[in-house]
Amino acid sequence: MTEPGFPKYRRGQRVKTVVDLVNDRSFPNTEPEGVLLAAGATGEIINVAIHTDANVPIYIVDSGEQLLIGCLEEEITVL
């Protein structure tokens, strides 16, 4: 990870997940703790925000699965 609060990736980059992304109850119509995207799924970063309390970047990734998922740096890598 880079400096706290400074994003490593940028909007428009293609990324893939390096871990299974599970529902942390943010998606009410999906099984709690169910896999939203499996490791290796690809997508594009459409927005980058900073979590104000934790001071870490949150990457909004469009996977083309009709889901926009907030990801941490350690959950994704660039293609």
PDB file of N, CA and C in Angstrom:
ATOM      1  N   MET A   1       0.848  -1.173   0.000  1.00  0.00           N
ATOM      2  CA  MET A   1       0.000   0.000   0.000  1.00  0.00           C
ATOM      3  C   MET A   1       0.893   1.236   0.000  1.00  0.00           C
ATOM      4  N   THR A   2       0.403   2.300  -0.614  1.00  0.00           N
ATOM      5  CA  THR A   2       1.133   3.563  -0.642  1.00  0.00           C
ATOM      6  C   THR A   2       0.852   4.335   0.645  1.00  0.00           C
ATOM      7  N   GLU A   3       1.214   5.622   0.657  1.00  0.00           N
ATOM      8  CA  GLU A   3       0.957   6.435   1.848  1.00  0.00           C
ATOM      9  C   GLU A   3      -0.522   6.376   2.201  1.00  0.00           C
ATOM     10  N   PRO A   4      -0.849   6.403   3.501  1.00  0.00           N
ATOM     11  CA  PRO A   4      -2.258   6.419   3.883  1.00  0.00           C
ATOM     12  C   PRO A   4      -2.975   7.593   3.235  1.00  0.00           C
ATOM     13  N   GLY A   5      -4.124   7.308   2.650  1.00  0.00           N
ATOM     14  CA  GLY A   5      -4.944   8.347   2.044  1.00  0.00           C
ATOM     15  C   GLY A   5      -4.578   8.694   0.619  1.00  0.00           C
ATOM     16  N   PHE A   6      -3.408   8.264   0.116  1.00  0.00           N
ATOM     17  CA  PHE A   6      -3.002   8.584  -1.246  1.00  0.00           C
ATOM     18  C   PHE A   6      -3.286   7.387  -2.150  1.00  0.00           C
ATOM     19  N   PRO A   7      -4.208   7.524  -3.113  1.00  0.00           N
ATOM     20  CA  PRO A   7      -4.578   6.393  -3.967  1.00  0.00           C
ATOM     21  C   PRO A   7      -3.429   5.887  -4.842  1.00  0.00           C
ATOM     22  N   LYS A   8      -3.301   4.589  -4.914  1.00  0.00           N
ATOM     23  CA  LYS A   8      -2.290   3.934  -5.737  1.00  0.00           C
ATOM     24  C   LYS A   8      -2.769   3.824  -7.191  1.00  0.00           C
ATOM     25  N   TYR A   9      -4.080   3.652  -7.367  1.00  0.00           N
ATOM     26  CA  TYR A   9      -4.686   3.482  -8.689  1.00  0.00           C
ATOM     27  C   TYR A   9      -5.506   4.713  -9.033  1.00  0.00           C
ATOM     28  N   ARG A  10      -5.936   4.799 -10.301  1.00  0.00           N
ATOM     29  CA  ARG A  10      -6.721   5.959 -10.735  1.00  0.00           C
ATOM     30  C   ARG A  10      -7.943   5.516 -11.547  1.00  0.00           C
ATOM     31  N   ARG A  11      -8.851   6.463 -11.681  1.00  0.00           N
ATOM     32  CA  ARG A  11     -10.078   6.216 -12.442  1.00  0.00           C
ATOM     33  C   ARG A  11      -9.727   5.834 -13.879  1.00  0.00           C
ATOM     34  N   GLY A  12     -10.472   4.876 -14.416  1.00  0.00           N
ATOM     35  CA  GLY A  12     -10.264   4.430 -15.787  1.00  0.00           C
ATOM     36  C   GLY A  12      -9.351   3.230 -15.921  1.00  0.00           C
ATOM     37  N   GLN A  13      -8.634   2.862 -14.868  1.00  0.00           N
ATOM     38  CA  GLN A  13      -7.744   1.700 -14.957  1.00  0.00           C
ATOM     39  C   GLN A  13      -8.560   0.408 -14.908  1.00  0.00           C
ATOM     40  N   ARG A  14      -8.118  -0.556 -15.700  1.00  0.00           N
ATOM     41  CA  ARG A  14      -8.699  -1.899 -15.666  1.00  0.00           C
ATOM     42  C   ARG A  14      -8.016  -2.653 -14.538  1.00  0.00           C
ATOM     43  N   VAL A  15      -8.817  -3.353 -13.746  1.00  0.00           N
ATOM     44  CA  VAL A  15      -8.291  -4.086 -12.598  1.00  0.00           C
ATOM     45  C   VAL A  15      -8.917  -5.473 -12.533  1.00  0.00           C
ATOM     46  N   LYS A  16      -8.298  -6.320 -11.711  1.00  0.00           N
ATOM     47  CA  LYS A  16      -8.908  -7.617 -11.410  1.00  0.00           C
ATOM     48  C   LYS A  16      -8.832  -7.821  -9.903  1.00  0.00           C
ATOM     49  N   THR A  17      -9.770  -8.611  -9.413  1.00  0.00           N
ATOM     50  CA  THR A  17      -9.806  -8.889  -7.984  1.00  0.00           C
ATOM     51  C   THR A  17      -8.766  -9.948  -7.655  1.00  0.00           C
ATOM     52  N   VAL A  18      -8.118  -9.810  -6.509  1.00  0.00           N
ATOM     53  CA  VAL A  18      -7.120 -10.795  -6.088  1.00  0.00           C
ATOM     54  C   VAL A  18      -7.664 -11.688  -4.974  1.00  0.00           C
ATOM     55  N   VAL A  19      -8.847 -11.366  -4.493  1.00  0.00           N
ATOM     56  CA  VAL A  19      -9.542 -12.177  -3.484  1.00  0.00           C
ATOM     57  C   VAL A  19     -11.018 -12.218  -3.858  1.00  0.00           C
ATOM     58  N   ASP A  20     -11.750 -13.163  -3.292  1.00  0.00           N
ATOM     59  CA  ASP A  20     -13.198 -13.152  -3.449  1.00  0.00           C
ATOM     60  C   ASP A  20     -13.753 -11.955  -2.692  1.00  0.00           C
ATOM     61  N   LEU A  21     -14.615 -11.186  -3.333  1.00  0.00           N
ATOM     62  CA  LEU A  21     -15.267 -10.056  -2.674  1.00  0.00           C
ATOM     63  C   LEU A  21     -16.629 -10.521  -2.192  1.00  0.00           C
ATOM     64  N   VAL A  22     -16.821 -10.486  -0.889  1.00  0.00           N
ATOM     65  CA  VAL A  22     -18.059 -10.996  -0.302  1.00  0.00           C
ATOM     66  C   VAL A  22     -18.968  -9.845   0.140  1.00  0.00           C
ATOM     67  N   ASN A  23     -20.238 -10.139   0.219  1.00  0.00           N
ATOM     68  CA  ASN A  23     -21.236  -9.162   0.627  1.00  0.00           C
ATOM     69  C   ASN A  23     -21.103  -8.867   2.112  1.00  0.00           C
ATOM     70  N   ASP A  24     -20.765  -7.624   2.419  1.00  0.00           N
ATOM     71  CA  ASP A  24     -20.665  -7.203   3.820  1.00  0.00           C
ATOM     72  C   ASP A  24     -21.996  -6.609   4.297  1.00  0.00           C
ATOM     73  N   ARG A  25     -23.055  -7.045   3.667  1.00  0.00           N
ATOM     74  CA  ARG A  25     -24.436  -6.600   3.912  1.00  0.00           C
ATOM     75  C   ARG A  25     -24.713  -5.246   3.279  1.00  0.00           C
ATOM     76  N   SER A  26     -23.835  -4.812   2.375  1.00  0.00           N
ATOM     77  CA  SER A  26     -24.070  -3.584   1.623  1.00  0.00           C
ATOM     78  C   SER A  26     -25.059  -3.804   0.481  1.00  0.00           C
ATOM     79  N   PHE A  27     -25.232  -5.060   0.083  1.00  0.00           N
ATOM     80  CA  PHE A  27     -26.125  -5.413  -1.012  1.00  0.00           C
ATOM     81  C   PHE A  27     -27.298  -6.200  -0.430  1.00  0.00           C
ATOM     82  N   PRO A  28     -28.411  -5.530  -0.102  1.00  0.00           N
ATOM     83  CA  PRO A  28     -29.514  -6.181   0.603  1.00  0.00           C
ATOM     84  C   PRO A  28     -30.211  -7.284  -0.183  1.00  0.00           C
ATOM     85  N   ASN A  29     -30.144  -7.260  -1.511  1.00  0.00           N
ATOM     86  CA  ASN A  29     -30.822  -8.292  -2.306  1.00  0.00           C
ATOM     87  C   ASN A  29     -29.911  -9.449  -2.668  1.00  0.00           C
ATOM     88  N   THR A  30     -28.780  -9.531  -1.991  1.00  0.00           N
ATOM     89  CA  THR A  30     -27.802 -10.594  -2.214  1.00  0.00           C
ATOM     90  C   THR A  30     -27.538 -11.282  -0.885  1.00  0.00           C
ATOM     91  N   GLU A  31     -27.260 -12.572  -0.945  1.00  0.00           N
ATOM     92  CA  GLU A  31     -27.020 -13.350   0.275  1.00  0.00           C
ATOM     93  C   GLU A  31     -25.917 -12.726   1.135  1.00  0.00           C
ATOM     94  N   PRO A  32     -26.189 -12.514   2.420  1.00  0.00           N
ATOM     95  CA  PRO A  32     -25.133 -11.998   3.309  1.00  0.00           C
ATOM     96  C   PRO A  32     -23.936 -12.952   3.309  1.00  0.00           C
ATOM     97  N   GLU A  33     -22.758 -12.386   3.235  1.00  0.00           N
ATOM     98  CA  GLU A  33     -21.500 -13.140   3.186  1.00  0.00           C
ATOM     99  C   GLU A  33     -21.344 -13.958   1.905  1.00  0.00           C
ATOM    100  N   GLY A  34     -22.242 -13.781   0.942  1.00  0.00           N
ATOM    101  CA  GLY A  34     -22.113 -14.461  -0.346  1.00  0.00           C
ATOM    102  C   GLY A  34     -21.076 -13.771  -1.216  1.00  0.00           C
ATOM    103  N   VAL A  35     -20.498 -14.499  -2.147  1.00  0.00           N
ATOM    104  CA  VAL A  35     -19.471 -13.951  -3.037  1.00  0.00           C
ATOM    105  C   VAL A  35     -20.134 -13.055  -4.081  1.00  0.00           C
ATOM    106  N   LEU A  36     -19.711 -11.798  -4.115  1.00  0.00           N
ATOM    107  CA  LEU A  36     -20.190 -10.857  -5.126  1.00  0.00           C
ATOM    108  C   LEU A  36     -19.369 -10.978  -6.397  1.00  0.00           C
ATOM    109  N   LEU A  37     -18.064 -11.032  -6.246  1.00  0.00           N
ATOM    110  CA  LEU A  37     -17.133 -11.228  -7.360  1.00  0.00           C
ATOM    111  C   LEU A  37     -16.048 -12.183  -6.913  1.00  0.00           C
ATOM    112  N   ALA A  38     -15.803 -13.192  -7.715  1.00  0.00           N
ATOM    113  CA  ALA A  38     -14.753 -14.160  -7.398  1.00  0.00           C
ATOM    114  C   ALA A  38     -13.392 -13.580  -7.733  1.00  0.00           C
ATOM    115  N   ALA A  39     -12.368 -14.081  -7.077  1.00  0.00           N
ATOM    116  CA  ALA A  39     -10.992 -13.684  -7.381  1.00  0.00           C
ATOM    117  C   ALA A  39     -10.743 -13.889  -8.868  1.00  0.00           C
ATOM    118  N   GLY A  40     -10.114 -12.903  -9.499  1.00  0.00           N
ATOM    119  CA  GLY A  40      -9.827 -12.979 -10.927  1.00  0.00           C
ATOM    120  C   GLY A  40     -10.834 -12.250 -11.798  1.00  0.00           C
ATOM    121  N   ALA A  41     -11.936 -11.790 -11.208  1.00  0.00           N
ATOM    122  CA  ALA A  41     -12.924 -11.023 -11.974  1.00  0.00           C
ATOM    123  C   ALA A  41     -12.316  -9.684 -12.369  1.00  0.00           C
ATOM    124  N   THR A  42     -12.697  -9.189 -13.531  1.00  0.00           N
ATOM    125  CA  THR A  42     -12.132  -7.931 -14.016  1.00  0.00           C
ATOM    126  C   THR A  42     -13.175  -6.830 -14.020  1.00  0.00           C
ATOM    127  N   GLY A  43     -12.688  -5.603 -14.021  1.00  0.00           N
ATOM    128  CA  GLY A  43     -13.566  -4.452 -14.071  1.00  0.00           C
ATOM    129  C   GLY A  43     -12.760  -3.195 -14.298  1.00  0.00           C
ATOM    130  N   GLU A  44     -13.444  -2.061 -14.194  1.00  0.00           N
ATOM    131  CA  GLU A  44     -12.800  -0.765 -14.397  1.00  0.00           C
ATOM    132  C   GLU A  44     -13.096   0.141 -13.212  1.00  0.00           C
ATOM    133  N   ILE A  45     -12.077   0.839 -12.753  1.00  0.00           N
ATOM    134  CA  ILE A  45     -12.273   1.809 -11.677  1.00  0.00           C
ATOM    135  C   ILE A  45     -13.019   3.001 -12.260  1.00  0.00           C
ATOM    136  N   ILE A  46     -14.195   3.296 -11.688  1.00  0.00           N
ATOM    137  CA  ILE A  46     -14.969   4.428 -12.192  1.00  0.00           C
ATOM    138  C   ILE A  46     -14.927   5.632 -11.257  1.00  0.00           C
ATOM    139  N   ASN A  47     -14.451   5.413 -10.038  1.00  0.00           N
ATOM    140  CA  ASN A  47     -14.316   6.522  -9.097  1.00  0.00           C
ATOM    141  C   ASN A  47     -13.359   6.109  -7.988  1.00  0.00           C
ATOM    142  N   VAL A  48     -12.707   7.108  -7.410  1.00  0.00           N
ATOM    143  CA  VAL A  48     -11.805   6.880  -6.290  1.00  0.00           C
ATOM    144  C   VAL A  48     -12.200   7.867  -5.196  1.00  0.00           C
ATOM    145  N   ALA A  49     -12.388   7.350  -3.987  1.00  0.00           N
ATOM    146  CA  ALA A  49     -12.744   8.199  -2.848  1.00  0.00           C
ATOM    147  C   ALA A  49     -11.813   7.861  -1.691  1.00  0.00           C
ATOM    148  N   ILE A  50     -11.821   8.706  -0.683  1.00  0.00           N
ATOM    149  CA  ILE A  50     -11.046   8.445   0.524  1.00  0.00           C
ATOM    150  C   ILE A  50     -12.021   8.242   1.676  1.00  0.00           C
ATOM    151  N   HIS A  51     -11.896   7.120   2.359  1.00  0.00           N
ATOM    152  CA  HIS A  51     -12.706   6.876   3.559  1.00  0.00           C
ATOM    153  C   HIS A  51     -12.198   7.834   4.624  1.00  0.00           C
ATOM    154  N   THR A  52     -13.045   8.763   5.054  1.00  0.00           N
ATOM    155  CA  THR A  52     -12.577   9.844   5.924  1.00  0.00           C
ATOM    156  C   THR A  52     -12.131   9.369   7.298  1.00  0.00           C
ATOM    157  N   ASP A  53     -12.797   8.382   7.872  1.00  0.00           N
ATOM    158  CA  ASP A  53     -12.401   7.907   9.198  1.00  0.00           C
ATOM    159  C   ASP A  53     -11.112   7.090   9.158  1.00  0.00           C
ATOM    160  N   ALA A  54     -11.012   6.191   8.188  1.00  0.00           N
ATOM    161  CA  ALA A  54      -9.848   5.301   8.110  1.00  0.00           C
ATOM    162  C   ALA A  54      -8.712   5.903   7.278  1.00  0.00           C
ATOM    163  N   ASN A  55      -8.997   6.954   6.497  1.00  0.00           N
ATOM    164  CA  ASN A  55      -8.016   7.595   5.644  1.00  0.00           C
ATOM    165  C   ASN A  55      -7.373   6.613   4.659  1.00  0.00           C
ATOM    166  N   VAL A  56      -8.226   5.792   4.026  1.00  0.00           N
ATOM    167  CA  VAL A  56      -7.761   4.840   3.013  1.00  0.00           C
ATOM    168  C   VAL A  56      -8.580   5.041   1.733  1.00  0.00           C
ATOM    169  N   PRO A  57      -7.956   4.807   0.579  1.00  0.00           N
ATOM    170  CA  PRO A  57      -8.690   4.925  -0.678  1.00  0.00           C
ATOM    171  C   PRO A  57      -9.718   3.799  -0.828  1.00  0.00           C
ATOM    172  N   ILE A  58     -10.860   4.158  -1.378  1.00  0.00           N
ATOM    173  CA  ILE A  58     -11.897   3.197  -1.749  1.00  0.00           C
ATOM    174  C   ILE A  58     -12.078   3.336  -3.256  1.00  0.00           C
ATOM    175  N   TYR A  59     -11.961   2.233  -3.968  1.00  0.00           N
ATOM    176  CA  TYR A  59     -12.078   2.229  -5.422  1.00  0.00           C
ATOM    177  C   TYR A  59     -13.435   1.666  -5.797  1.00  0.00           C
ATOM    178  N   ILE A  60     -14.219   2.453  -6.541  1.00  0.00           N
ATOM    179  CA  ILE A  60     -15.508   1.976  -7.019  1.00  0.00           C
ATOM    180  C   ILE A  60     -15.251   1.308  -8.363  1.00  0.00           C
ATOM    181  N   VAL A  61     -15.506  -0.003  -8.402  1.00  0.00           N
ATOM    182  CA  VAL A  61     -15.191  -0.807  -9.575  1.00  0.00           C
ATOM    183  C   VAL A  61     -16.481  -1.272 -10.242  1.00  0.00           C
ATOM    184  N   ASP A  62     -16.574  -1.039 -11.553  1.00  0.00           N
ATOM    185  CA  ASP A  62     -17.686  -1.518 -12.371  1.00  0.00           C
ATOM    186  C   ASP A  62     -17.237  -2.817 -13.013  1.00  0.00           C
ATOM    187  N   SER A  63     -17.884  -3.901 -12.615  1.00  0.00           N
ATOM    188  CA  SER A  63     -17.491  -5.221 -13.109  1.00  0.00           C
ATOM    189  C   SER A  63     -18.301  -5.647 -14.319  1.00  0.00           C
ATOM    190  N   GLY A  64     -19.271  -4.832 -14.718  1.00  0.00           N
ATOM    191  CA  GLY A  64     -20.117  -5.223 -15.834  1.00  0.00           C
ATOM    192  C   GLY A  64     -21.171  -6.229 -15.426  1.00  0.00           C
ATOM    193  N   GLU A  65     -21.256  -6.553 -14.151  1.00  0.00           N
ATOM    194  CA  GLU A  65     -22.221  -7.515 -13.624  1.00  0.00           C
ATOM    195  C   GLU A  65     -23.402  -6.784 -12.991  1.00  0.00           C
ATOM    196  N   GLN A  66     -23.622  -5.548 -13.396  1.00  0.00           N
ATOM    197  CA  GLN A  66     -24.653  -4.680 -12.822  1.00  0.00           C
ATOM    198  C   GLN A  66     -24.394  -4.422 -11.346  1.00  0.00           C
ATOM    199  N   LEU A  67     -23.123  -4.469 -10.962  1.00  0.00           N
ATOM    200  CA  LEU A  67     -22.722  -4.166  -9.596  1.00  0.00           C
ATOM    201  C   LEU A  67     -21.608  -3.137  -9.619  1.00  0.00           C
ATOM    202  N   LEU A  68     -21.718  -2.149  -8.772  1.00  0.00           N
ATOM    203  CA  LEU A  68     -20.616  -1.239  -8.512  1.00  0.00           C
ATOM    204  C   LEU A  68     -20.148  -1.581  -7.112  1.00  0.00           C
ATOM    205  N   ILE A  69     -18.891  -1.996  -6.995  1.00  0.00           N
ATOM    206  CA  ILE A  69     -18.392  -2.496  -5.716  1.00  0.00           C
ATOM    207  C   ILE A  69     -17.237  -1.634  -5.238  1.00  0.00           C
ATOM    208  N   GLY A  70     -17.293  -1.243  -3.973  1.00  0.00           N
ATOM    209  CA  GLY A  70     -16.191  -0.517  -3.353  1.00  0.00           C
ATOM    210  C   GLY A  70     -15.108  -1.502  -2.942  1.00  0.00           C
ATOM    211  N   CYS A  71     -13.880  -1.259  -3.391  1.00  0.00           N
ATOM    212  CA  CYS A  71     -12.766  -2.172  -3.124  1.00  0.00           C
ATOM    213  C   CYS A  71     -11.630  -1.435  -2.436  1.00  0.00           C
ATOM    214  N   LEU A  72     -10.904  -2.168  -1.618  1.00  0.00           N
ATOM    215  CA  LEU A  72      -9.682  -1.664  -1.004  1.00  0.00           C
ATOM    216  C   LEU A  72      -8.498  -2.000  -1.909  1.00  0.00           C
ATOM    217  N   GLU A  73      -7.385  -1.289  -1.733  1.00  0.00           N
ATOM    218  CA  GLU A  73      -6.200  -1.535  -2.566  1.00  0.00           C
ATOM    219  C   GLU A  73      -5.737  -2.977  -2.534  1.00  0.00           C
ATOM    220  N   GLU A  74      -5.788  -3.599  -1.370  1.00  0.00           N
ATOM    221  CA  GLU A  74      -5.292  -4.968  -1.277  1.00  0.00           C
ATOM    222  C   GLU A  74      -6.229  -5.993  -1.909  1.00  0.00           C
ATOM    223  N   GLU A  75      -7.402  -5.570  -2.361  1.00  0.00           N
ATOM    224  CA  GLU A  75      -8.366  -6.481  -2.975  1.00  0.00           C
ATOM    225  C   GLU A  75      -8.287  -6.502  -4.489  1.00  0.00           C
ATOM    226  N   ILE A  76      -7.541  -5.554  -5.082  1.00  0.00           N
ATOM    227  CA  ILE A  76      -7.458  -5.446  -6.540  1.00  0.00           C
ATOM    228  C   ILE A  76      -6.013  -5.258  -6.996  1.00  0.00           C
ATOM    229  N   THR A  77      -5.806  -5.496  -8.286  1.00  0.00           N
ATOM    230  CA  THR A  77      -4.519  -5.213  -8.915  1.00  0.00           C
ATOM    231  C   THR A  77      -4.798  -4.788 -10.352  1.00  0.00           C
ATOM    232  N   VAL A  78      -3.899  -4.014 -10.951  1.00  0.00           N
ATOM    233  CA  VAL A  78      -4.103  -3.559 -12.324  1.00  0.00           C
ATOM    234  C   VAL A  78      -3.813  -4.692 -13.294  1.00  0.00           C
ATOM    235  N   LEU A  79      -4.470  -4.632 -14.436  1.00  0.00           N
ATOM    236  CA  LEU A  79      -4.244  -5.639 -15.487  1.00  0.00           C
ATOM    237  C   LEU A  79      -3.045  -5.253 -16.320  1.00  0.00           C
TER     238      LEU A  79
END
